[in-house]
N, C-alpha and C. Protein backbone atom coordinates (compact mmCIF):
# COMPACT_ATOMS: atom_id res chain seq x y z
N MET A 1 106.08 253.94 189.94
CA MET A 1 107.00 254.58 190.86
C MET A 1 108.34 254.82 190.18
N ASN A 2 108.81 256.04 190.23
CA ASN A 2 110.09 256.42 189.64
C ASN A 2 111.15 256.38 190.74
N PRO A 3 112.12 255.44 190.66
CA PRO A 3 113.11 255.32 191.73
C PRO A 3 113.99 256.57 191.87
N ILE A 4 114.24 257.25 190.78
CA ILE A 4 115.08 258.45 190.85
C ILE A 4 114.38 259.53 191.67
N ALA A 5 113.12 259.75 191.39
CA ALA A 5 112.36 260.76 192.13
C ALA A 5 112.28 260.40 193.61
N GLU A 6 112.08 259.13 193.91
CA GLU A 6 111.97 258.69 195.30
C GLU A 6 113.31 258.85 196.03
N ILE A 7 114.40 258.51 195.36
CA ILE A 7 115.72 258.67 195.98
C ILE A 7 116.02 260.15 196.20
N LYS A 8 115.65 260.98 195.22
CA LYS A 8 115.87 262.42 195.37
C LYS A 8 115.13 262.98 196.57
N LYS A 9 113.98 262.38 196.89
CA LYS A 9 113.21 262.82 198.05
C LYS A 9 113.82 262.28 199.35
N GLY A 10 114.76 261.35 199.24
CA GLY A 10 115.39 260.78 200.43
C GLY A 10 114.72 259.51 200.92
N ASP A 11 113.98 258.83 200.04
CA ASP A 11 113.28 257.59 200.42
C ASP A 11 114.30 256.46 200.57
N GLU A 12 114.49 256.04 201.82
CA GLU A 12 115.49 255.02 202.12
C GLU A 12 115.07 253.63 201.63
N VAL A 13 113.78 253.35 201.61
CA VAL A 13 113.29 252.05 201.14
C VAL A 13 113.63 251.87 199.66
N THR A 14 113.40 252.90 198.87
CA THR A 14 113.73 252.84 197.45
C THR A 14 115.24 252.72 197.27
N PHE A 15 115.99 253.43 198.08
CA PHE A 15 117.45 253.35 198.02
C PHE A 15 117.92 251.91 198.30
N LEU A 16 117.32 251.28 199.30
CA LEU A 16 117.68 249.89 199.61
C LEU A 16 117.34 248.95 198.46
N LYS A 17 116.22 249.20 197.78
CA LYS A 17 115.87 248.39 196.61
C LYS A 17 116.92 248.57 195.52
N VAL A 18 117.34 249.80 195.30
CA VAL A 18 118.39 250.08 194.30
C VAL A 18 119.69 249.41 194.72
N TYR A 19 119.98 249.46 196.02
CA TYR A 19 121.19 248.82 196.54
C TYR A 19 121.17 247.34 196.20
N HIS A 20 120.07 246.66 196.48
CA HIS A 20 119.96 245.22 196.20
C HIS A 20 119.97 244.94 194.70
N GLN A 21 119.45 245.85 193.93
CA GLN A 21 119.39 245.68 192.47
C GLN A 21 120.78 245.78 191.86
N PHE A 22 121.61 246.71 192.34
CA PHE A 22 122.89 247.00 191.69
C PHE A 22 124.12 246.45 192.42
N HIS A 23 123.97 246.03 193.65
CA HIS A 23 125.13 245.67 194.46
C HIS A 23 126.03 244.62 193.79
N THR A 24 125.48 243.49 193.42
CA THR A 24 126.27 242.40 192.84
C THR A 24 126.89 242.82 191.52
N LYS A 25 126.12 243.48 190.69
CA LYS A 25 126.60 243.91 189.39
C LYS A 25 127.77 244.90 189.56
N LEU A 26 127.61 245.82 190.48
CA LEU A 26 128.65 246.82 190.72
C LEU A 26 129.90 246.18 191.32
N PHE A 27 129.70 245.27 192.27
CA PHE A 27 130.83 244.57 192.88
C PHE A 27 131.66 243.86 191.81
N HIS A 28 131.01 243.16 190.89
CA HIS A 28 131.73 242.46 189.82
C HIS A 28 132.41 243.43 188.86
N TYR A 29 131.79 244.56 188.64
CA TYR A 29 132.41 245.62 187.82
C TYR A 29 133.75 246.03 188.41
N PHE A 30 133.78 246.27 189.72
CA PHE A 30 135.02 246.67 190.39
C PHE A 30 135.99 245.50 190.53
N LEU A 31 135.49 244.32 190.80
CA LEU A 31 136.34 243.15 190.96
C LEU A 31 137.09 242.85 189.66
N LYS A 32 136.42 243.01 188.55
CA LYS A 32 137.04 242.77 187.24
C LYS A 32 138.20 243.75 187.01
N ARG A 33 138.05 244.98 187.48
CA ARG A 33 139.06 246.01 187.24
C ARG A 33 140.19 246.01 188.27
N THR A 34 139.88 245.61 189.50
CA THR A 34 140.89 245.68 190.55
C THR A 34 141.51 244.33 190.90
N ARG A 35 140.78 243.26 190.61
CA ARG A 35 141.22 241.91 190.95
C ARG A 35 141.45 241.74 192.45
N SER A 36 140.74 242.50 193.25
CA SER A 36 140.83 242.41 194.70
C SER A 36 139.43 242.51 195.29
N LYS A 37 139.03 241.48 196.03
CA LYS A 37 137.69 241.49 196.63
C LYS A 37 137.55 242.63 197.62
N GLU A 38 138.58 242.87 198.42
CA GLU A 38 138.51 243.92 199.44
C GLU A 38 138.35 245.30 198.79
N ILE A 39 139.14 245.57 197.78
CA ILE A 39 139.05 246.86 197.10
C ILE A 39 137.70 246.99 196.41
N ALA A 40 137.26 245.91 195.76
CA ALA A 40 135.97 245.94 195.07
C ALA A 40 134.83 246.21 196.07
N LYS A 41 134.89 245.58 197.25
CA LYS A 41 133.87 245.82 198.27
C LYS A 41 133.89 247.28 198.71
N ASP A 42 135.09 247.79 198.93
CA ASP A 42 135.23 249.18 199.37
C ASP A 42 134.71 250.16 198.32
N LEU A 43 135.08 249.94 197.06
CA LEU A 43 134.64 250.84 195.99
C LEU A 43 133.12 250.74 195.78
N THR A 44 132.58 249.56 195.94
CA THR A 44 131.13 249.38 195.82
C THR A 44 130.43 250.21 196.90
N GLN A 45 130.93 250.10 198.12
CA GLN A 45 130.35 250.85 199.23
C GLN A 45 130.47 252.35 199.00
N GLN A 46 131.64 252.78 198.54
CA GLN A 46 131.86 254.20 198.27
C GLN A 46 130.89 254.71 197.20
N SER A 47 130.60 253.87 196.21
CA SER A 47 129.68 254.28 195.14
C SER A 47 128.27 254.50 195.68
N PHE A 48 127.81 253.63 196.55
CA PHE A 48 126.49 253.80 197.12
C PHE A 48 126.44 255.02 198.05
N ILE A 49 127.51 255.24 198.77
CA ILE A 49 127.56 256.42 199.62
C ILE A 49 127.50 257.68 198.77
N LYS A 50 128.27 257.67 197.67
CA LYS A 50 128.28 258.84 196.79
C LYS A 50 126.92 259.03 196.13
N LEU A 51 126.26 257.93 195.78
CA LEU A 51 124.91 258.03 195.19
C LEU A 51 123.98 258.73 196.17
N TRP A 52 124.02 258.30 197.43
CA TRP A 52 123.13 258.89 198.43
C TRP A 52 123.48 260.36 198.67
N GLN A 53 124.78 260.65 198.77
CA GLN A 53 125.20 262.03 199.03
C GLN A 53 124.88 262.98 197.88
N SER A 54 124.87 262.45 196.66
CA SER A 54 124.60 263.31 195.51
C SER A 54 123.23 263.05 194.89
N LYS A 55 122.32 262.53 195.70
CA LYS A 55 120.98 262.20 195.19
C LYS A 55 120.27 263.41 194.60
N HIS A 56 120.54 264.58 195.12
CA HIS A 56 119.88 265.80 194.63
C HIS A 56 120.31 266.16 193.20
N THR A 57 121.43 265.59 192.73
CA THR A 57 121.92 265.90 191.38
C THR A 57 121.42 264.90 190.33
N LEU A 58 120.71 263.87 190.76
CA LEU A 58 120.20 262.87 189.81
C LEU A 58 119.18 263.52 188.87
N SER A 59 119.20 263.05 187.64
CA SER A 59 118.28 263.59 186.64
C SER A 59 117.22 262.54 186.30
N GLU A 60 115.99 262.97 186.30
CA GLU A 60 114.89 262.06 185.94
C GLU A 60 114.80 261.87 184.43
N ASP A 61 115.60 262.62 183.67
CA ASP A 61 115.61 262.49 182.21
C ASP A 61 116.47 261.31 181.74
N HIS A 62 117.32 260.79 182.61
CA HIS A 62 118.22 259.68 182.25
C HIS A 62 117.92 258.51 183.18
N ASN A 63 118.25 257.30 182.69
CA ASN A 63 117.95 256.14 183.54
C ASN A 63 118.95 256.05 184.69
N LEU A 64 118.49 255.43 185.75
CA LEU A 64 119.29 255.32 186.97
C LEU A 64 120.55 254.49 186.75
N ASP A 65 120.44 253.46 185.95
CA ASP A 65 121.58 252.58 185.67
C ASP A 65 122.76 253.39 185.13
N ALA A 66 122.51 254.20 184.13
CA ALA A 66 123.58 255.00 183.51
C ALA A 66 124.16 256.01 184.50
N GLN A 67 123.29 256.67 185.24
CA GLN A 67 123.76 257.67 186.21
C GLN A 67 124.57 257.02 187.32
N PHE A 68 124.11 255.86 187.79
CA PHE A 68 124.81 255.20 188.88
C PHE A 68 126.18 254.70 188.44
N PHE A 69 126.27 254.16 187.23
CA PHE A 69 127.57 253.68 186.77
C PHE A 69 128.50 254.84 186.40
N THR A 70 127.96 255.99 186.14
CA THR A 70 128.79 257.19 185.99
C THR A 70 129.41 257.54 187.34
N ILE A 71 128.61 257.47 188.39
CA ILE A 71 129.11 257.71 189.75
C ILE A 71 130.17 256.66 190.10
N ALA A 72 129.89 255.40 189.80
CA ALA A 72 130.83 254.31 190.10
C ALA A 72 132.13 254.51 189.34
N ASN A 73 132.03 254.96 188.11
CA ASN A 73 133.24 255.20 187.32
C ASN A 73 134.08 256.32 187.94
N SER A 74 133.43 257.35 188.43
CA SER A 74 134.19 258.44 189.06
C SER A 74 134.84 257.96 190.36
N VAL A 75 134.18 257.08 191.09
CA VAL A 75 134.77 256.49 192.30
C VAL A 75 136.00 255.68 191.91
N PHE A 76 135.91 254.92 190.83
CA PHE A 76 137.05 254.12 190.38
C PHE A 76 138.22 255.01 189.93
N ILE A 77 137.92 256.07 189.23
CA ILE A 77 138.97 257.00 188.79
C ILE A 77 139.64 257.65 190.01
N ASP A 78 138.86 258.02 191.01
CA ASP A 78 139.44 258.56 192.25
C ASP A 78 140.37 257.53 192.90
N HIS A 79 139.95 256.27 192.89
CA HIS A 79 140.78 255.20 193.44
C HIS A 79 142.10 255.10 192.68
N LEU A 80 142.04 255.15 191.36
CA LEU A 80 143.26 255.07 190.55
C LEU A 80 144.18 256.26 190.82
N ARG A 81 143.60 257.43 191.01
CA ARG A 81 144.42 258.61 191.33
C ARG A 81 145.11 258.44 192.68
N ARG A 82 144.39 257.93 193.67
CA ARG A 82 145.00 257.69 194.99
C ARG A 82 146.13 256.68 194.88
N GLN A 83 145.93 255.63 194.09
CA GLN A 83 146.98 254.63 193.90
C GLN A 83 148.20 255.25 193.23
N ALA A 84 147.99 256.10 192.25
CA ALA A 84 149.10 256.75 191.56
C ALA A 84 149.90 257.63 192.52
N ILE A 85 149.20 258.34 193.39
CA ILE A 85 149.87 259.18 194.36
C ILE A 85 150.67 258.32 195.34
N GLU A 86 150.08 257.22 195.79
CA GLU A 86 150.79 256.32 196.70
C GLU A 86 152.04 255.75 196.04
N ARG A 87 151.91 255.35 194.78
CA ARG A 87 153.08 254.81 194.06
C ARG A 87 154.16 255.87 193.91
N LYS A 88 153.75 257.10 193.69
CA LYS A 88 154.71 258.18 193.54
C LYS A 88 155.58 258.31 194.77
N TYR A 89 154.96 258.21 195.95
CA TYR A 89 155.71 258.36 197.19
C TYR A 89 156.40 257.08 197.62
N GLN A 90 156.03 255.96 197.02
CA GLN A 90 156.66 254.71 197.37
C GLN A 90 157.61 254.22 196.29
N ALA A 91 157.87 255.04 195.30
CA ALA A 91 158.75 254.65 194.21
C ALA A 91 160.13 254.29 194.75
N PRO A 92 160.75 253.25 194.20
CA PRO A 92 162.04 252.82 194.72
C PRO A 92 163.16 253.84 194.48
N LEU A 93 163.08 254.58 193.42
CA LEU A 93 164.09 255.60 193.18
C LEU A 93 163.39 256.94 192.98
N VAL A 94 163.78 257.92 193.72
CA VAL A 94 163.15 259.22 193.68
C VAL A 94 164.07 260.18 192.96
N ASP A 95 163.56 260.79 191.88
CA ASP A 95 164.33 261.75 191.11
C ASP A 95 165.68 261.21 190.66
N GLY A 96 165.76 259.90 190.36
CA GLY A 96 166.99 259.33 189.86
C GLY A 96 168.11 259.27 190.89
N LEU A 97 167.80 259.31 192.17
CA LEU A 97 168.82 259.28 193.20
C LEU A 97 169.32 257.85 193.39
N ASP A 98 170.54 257.73 193.96
CA ASP A 98 171.10 256.40 194.18
C ASP A 98 170.41 255.69 195.35
N ASP A 99 170.75 254.42 195.55
CA ASP A 99 170.09 253.60 196.55
C ASP A 99 170.24 254.14 197.97
N LEU A 100 171.36 254.75 198.28
CA LEU A 100 171.56 255.28 199.63
C LEU A 100 170.58 256.40 199.92
N THR A 101 170.38 257.26 198.95
CA THR A 101 169.43 258.35 199.12
C THR A 101 168.02 257.80 199.24
N THR A 102 167.73 256.76 198.49
CA THR A 102 166.41 256.14 198.56
C THR A 102 166.16 255.58 199.95
N LEU A 103 167.18 254.99 200.55
CA LEU A 103 167.02 254.49 201.91
C LEU A 103 166.68 255.63 202.87
N VAL A 104 167.33 256.76 202.68
CA VAL A 104 167.04 257.92 203.53
C VAL A 104 165.62 258.40 203.27
N TYR A 105 165.20 258.40 202.01
CA TYR A 105 163.87 258.87 201.66
C TYR A 105 162.79 258.03 202.35
N HIS A 106 163.02 256.72 202.41
CA HIS A 106 162.03 255.83 203.00
C HIS A 106 162.27 255.61 204.49
N ALA A 107 163.16 256.36 205.06
CA ALA A 107 163.55 256.15 206.44
C ALA A 107 162.44 256.44 207.43
N HIS A 108 161.44 257.21 207.04
CA HIS A 108 160.38 257.55 207.99
C HIS A 108 159.55 256.34 208.41
N THR A 109 159.84 255.17 207.84
CA THR A 109 159.03 254.00 208.15
C THR A 109 159.40 253.32 209.46
N ASP A 110 160.57 253.62 210.04
CA ASP A 110 160.84 253.05 211.35
C ASP A 110 161.52 254.06 212.26
N TYR A 111 161.43 253.81 213.55
CA TYR A 111 161.85 254.81 214.53
C TYR A 111 163.35 255.02 214.58
N GLU A 112 164.15 253.98 214.40
CA GLU A 112 165.59 254.15 214.42
C GLU A 112 166.02 255.07 213.28
N SER A 113 165.40 254.92 212.14
CA SER A 113 165.74 255.76 211.00
C SER A 113 165.37 257.21 211.26
N ALA A 114 164.31 257.43 212.02
CA ALA A 114 163.93 258.80 212.35
C ALA A 114 165.05 259.48 213.14
N ASP A 115 165.67 258.73 214.07
CA ASP A 115 166.81 259.28 214.81
C ASP A 115 167.96 259.56 213.85
N TYR A 116 168.17 258.67 212.90
CA TYR A 116 169.22 258.85 211.90
C TYR A 116 168.96 260.11 211.08
N LEU A 117 167.72 260.31 210.68
CA LEU A 117 167.38 261.51 209.91
C LEU A 117 167.67 262.78 210.70
N ASP A 118 167.29 262.76 211.97
CA ASP A 118 167.58 263.93 212.82
C ASP A 118 169.07 264.18 212.91
N ALA A 119 169.85 263.12 213.06
CA ALA A 119 171.31 263.26 213.17
C ALA A 119 171.90 263.78 211.87
N VAL A 120 171.43 263.27 210.75
CA VAL A 120 171.94 263.70 209.45
C VAL A 120 171.59 265.15 209.18
N ALA A 121 170.37 265.56 209.55
CA ALA A 121 169.89 266.91 209.26
C ALA A 121 170.36 267.94 210.27
N GLU A 122 170.98 267.49 211.35
CA GLU A 122 171.37 268.39 212.43
C GLU A 122 172.29 269.52 211.97
N ASP A 123 173.21 269.22 211.07
CA ASP A 123 174.19 270.21 210.62
C ASP A 123 173.68 271.13 209.51
N LEU A 124 172.48 270.87 209.02
CA LEU A 124 171.95 271.67 207.92
C LEU A 124 171.46 273.02 208.44
N PRO A 125 171.54 274.05 207.57
CA PRO A 125 170.93 275.34 207.94
C PRO A 125 169.43 275.15 208.17
N PRO A 126 168.82 276.01 208.98
CA PRO A 126 167.41 275.81 209.39
C PRO A 126 166.42 275.60 208.25
N VAL A 127 166.47 276.44 207.23
CA VAL A 127 165.50 276.30 206.14
C VAL A 127 165.75 275.01 205.38
N ARG A 128 167.01 274.70 205.11
CA ARG A 128 167.35 273.48 204.39
C ARG A 128 166.94 272.25 205.20
N LYS A 129 167.16 272.31 206.50
CA LYS A 129 166.76 271.20 207.38
C LYS A 129 165.25 271.02 207.33
N ASN A 130 164.52 272.11 207.37
CA ASN A 130 163.06 272.07 207.33
C ASN A 130 162.58 271.46 206.01
N VAL A 131 163.16 271.89 204.89
CA VAL A 131 162.79 271.35 203.58
C VAL A 131 163.09 269.86 203.54
N PHE A 132 164.27 269.48 203.99
CA PHE A 132 164.68 268.08 203.97
C PHE A 132 163.74 267.21 204.80
N MET A 133 163.41 267.65 206.01
CA MET A 133 162.55 266.87 206.89
C MET A 133 161.12 266.78 206.36
N LEU A 134 160.61 267.87 205.80
CA LEU A 134 159.26 267.85 205.23
C LEU A 134 159.19 266.88 204.06
N LYS A 135 160.23 266.87 203.25
CA LYS A 135 160.25 266.01 202.06
C LYS A 135 160.47 264.55 202.44
N VAL A 136 161.49 264.30 203.26
CA VAL A 136 161.87 262.93 203.56
C VAL A 136 160.99 262.30 204.64
N ALA A 137 160.85 262.99 205.74
CA ALA A 137 160.12 262.40 206.87
C ALA A 137 158.61 262.44 206.69
N LYS A 138 158.10 263.50 206.08
CA LYS A 138 156.65 263.65 205.96
C LYS A 138 156.13 263.30 204.56
N GLY A 139 157.03 263.24 203.57
CA GLY A 139 156.62 262.86 202.23
C GLY A 139 155.91 263.96 201.45
N TYR A 140 156.11 265.22 201.84
CA TYR A 140 155.47 266.34 201.14
C TYR A 140 156.09 266.52 199.75
N SER A 141 155.30 267.01 198.83
CA SER A 141 155.80 267.32 197.49
C SER A 141 156.50 268.68 197.55
N ASN A 142 157.28 268.98 196.52
CA ASN A 142 157.97 270.27 196.46
C ASN A 142 156.96 271.42 196.50
N LYS A 143 155.84 271.23 195.82
CA LYS A 143 154.82 272.28 195.78
C LYS A 143 154.24 272.52 197.17
N GLU A 144 153.94 271.42 197.89
CA GLU A 144 153.38 271.55 199.24
C GLU A 144 154.37 272.25 200.19
N ILE A 145 155.64 271.89 200.05
CA ILE A 145 156.67 272.50 200.90
C ILE A 145 156.78 273.98 200.58
N ALA A 146 156.79 274.30 199.28
CA ALA A 146 156.90 275.70 198.87
C ALA A 146 155.74 276.53 199.43
N GLU A 147 154.55 275.98 199.37
CA GLU A 147 153.38 276.70 199.90
C GLU A 147 153.47 276.87 201.41
N GLN A 148 153.92 275.82 202.08
CA GLN A 148 153.99 275.87 203.54
C GLN A 148 155.05 276.85 204.03
N LEU A 149 156.18 276.91 203.31
CA LEU A 149 157.27 277.78 203.73
C LEU A 149 157.24 279.15 203.05
N SER A 150 156.29 279.35 202.17
CA SER A 150 156.16 280.60 201.41
C SER A 150 157.43 280.93 200.62
N VAL A 151 157.93 279.93 199.91
CA VAL A 151 159.08 280.11 199.02
C VAL A 151 158.72 279.50 197.67
N SER A 152 159.58 279.71 196.69
CA SER A 152 159.31 279.16 195.37
C SER A 152 159.66 277.67 195.32
N ILE A 153 159.10 276.99 194.35
CA ILE A 153 159.39 275.56 194.17
C ILE A 153 160.88 275.38 193.84
N LYS A 154 161.44 276.28 193.07
CA LYS A 154 162.87 276.21 192.73
C LYS A 154 163.73 276.32 193.99
N THR A 155 163.33 277.16 194.93
CA THR A 155 164.07 277.29 196.18
C THR A 155 164.02 275.97 196.96
N VAL A 156 162.85 275.34 196.98
CA VAL A 156 162.71 274.05 197.65
C VAL A 156 163.61 273.02 196.97
N GLU A 157 163.60 272.98 195.64
CA GLU A 157 164.43 272.03 194.91
C GLU A 157 165.91 272.26 195.20
N ASP A 158 166.31 273.53 195.26
CA ASP A 158 167.70 273.87 195.53
C ASP A 158 168.11 273.40 196.94
N HIS A 159 167.28 273.72 197.93
CA HIS A 159 167.59 273.31 199.31
C HIS A 159 167.63 271.79 199.44
N TYR A 160 166.70 271.12 198.80
CA TYR A 160 166.66 269.66 198.89
C TYR A 160 167.88 269.04 198.22
N SER A 161 168.25 269.58 197.07
CA SER A 161 169.42 269.09 196.36
C SER A 161 170.68 269.25 197.22
N LYS A 162 170.83 270.40 197.84
CA LYS A 162 172.00 270.65 198.68
C LYS A 162 171.97 269.77 199.93
N ALA A 163 170.81 269.53 200.46
CA ALA A 163 170.70 268.64 201.63
C ALA A 163 171.10 267.22 201.26
N LEU A 164 170.70 266.77 200.06
CA LEU A 164 171.08 265.43 199.61
C LEU A 164 172.58 265.32 199.41
N LYS A 165 173.20 266.37 198.90
CA LYS A 165 174.66 266.35 198.75
C LYS A 165 175.32 266.20 200.11
N HIS A 166 174.80 266.90 201.11
CA HIS A 166 175.31 266.80 202.47
C HIS A 166 175.16 265.36 202.99
N VAL A 167 173.99 264.77 202.78
CA VAL A 167 173.74 263.40 203.24
C VAL A 167 174.68 262.43 202.54
N ARG A 168 174.84 262.59 201.24
CA ARG A 168 175.74 261.72 200.49
C ARG A 168 177.16 261.82 201.02
N SER A 169 177.61 263.02 201.31
CA SER A 169 178.97 263.18 201.81
C SER A 169 179.12 262.50 203.17
N LEU A 170 178.11 262.60 204.03
CA LEU A 170 178.16 261.91 205.32
C LEU A 170 178.19 260.39 205.14
N VAL A 171 177.36 259.89 204.24
CA VAL A 171 177.32 258.45 204.00
C VAL A 171 178.65 257.98 203.43
N THR A 172 179.24 258.76 202.55
CA THR A 172 180.54 258.40 201.98
C THR A 172 181.60 258.32 203.07
N VAL A 173 181.62 259.30 203.95
CA VAL A 173 182.58 259.29 205.06
C VAL A 173 182.35 258.07 205.95
N LEU A 174 181.09 257.78 206.26
CA LEU A 174 180.78 256.62 207.09
C LEU A 174 181.21 255.32 206.43
N MET A 175 181.01 255.22 205.14
CA MET A 175 181.41 254.00 204.42
C MET A 175 182.93 253.86 204.40
N LEU A 176 183.64 254.97 204.24
CA LEU A 176 185.10 254.92 204.29
C LEU A 176 185.58 254.48 205.66
N LEU A 177 184.99 255.03 206.70
CA LEU A 177 185.34 254.63 208.06
C LEU A 177 185.04 253.15 208.28
N PHE A 178 183.93 252.70 207.77
CA PHE A 178 183.55 251.31 207.91
C PHE A 178 184.58 250.40 207.22
N LYS A 179 185.01 250.79 206.02
CA LYS A 179 186.02 250.00 205.28
C LYS A 179 187.34 249.98 206.02
N ILE A 180 187.71 251.09 206.63
CA ILE A 180 188.97 251.17 207.36
C ILE A 180 188.92 250.26 208.59
N LEU A 181 187.78 250.25 209.24
CA LEU A 181 187.63 249.44 210.45
C LEU A 181 187.57 247.94 210.16
N ILE A 182 187.17 247.57 208.99
CA ILE A 182 187.05 246.15 208.66
C ILE A 182 188.36 245.56 208.22
């Protein structure tokens, strides 16, 4: 019995045998790379799901072990890409901005800050306000904003830069008022 041919036909019994054959080995493969049991379990599950979904692409000319670990490797690479994207949006300093701007950038994490963002952006021209809110509140990239608003990436960068100058000037005024009051 050729397990690849049986899986390609959609034989669930053979798939379960392959699952039991590779599960522990695959889990340890991911655990070694991620050092997290939860992530390793998730990636292991994703690999089996991907194996089943792409069963029609399996080749009977190559052994199942090699093909399956190729699938697992692509699942791991996808995981690393997702992590890199998450880190990009959670970076402590965005585009070399100072700490005050960083606080505004991460302000979408609580509701009071959302009110603050609305208040800060209230005086901005409509397009600039839209760019600022998409970038800060929603975490969109310049490219995504440009596509959504049908403008160039440079235009988005320009509007965002000017919006940040506006925010900085407001924060500076507030800090001066705070110092005067103390």
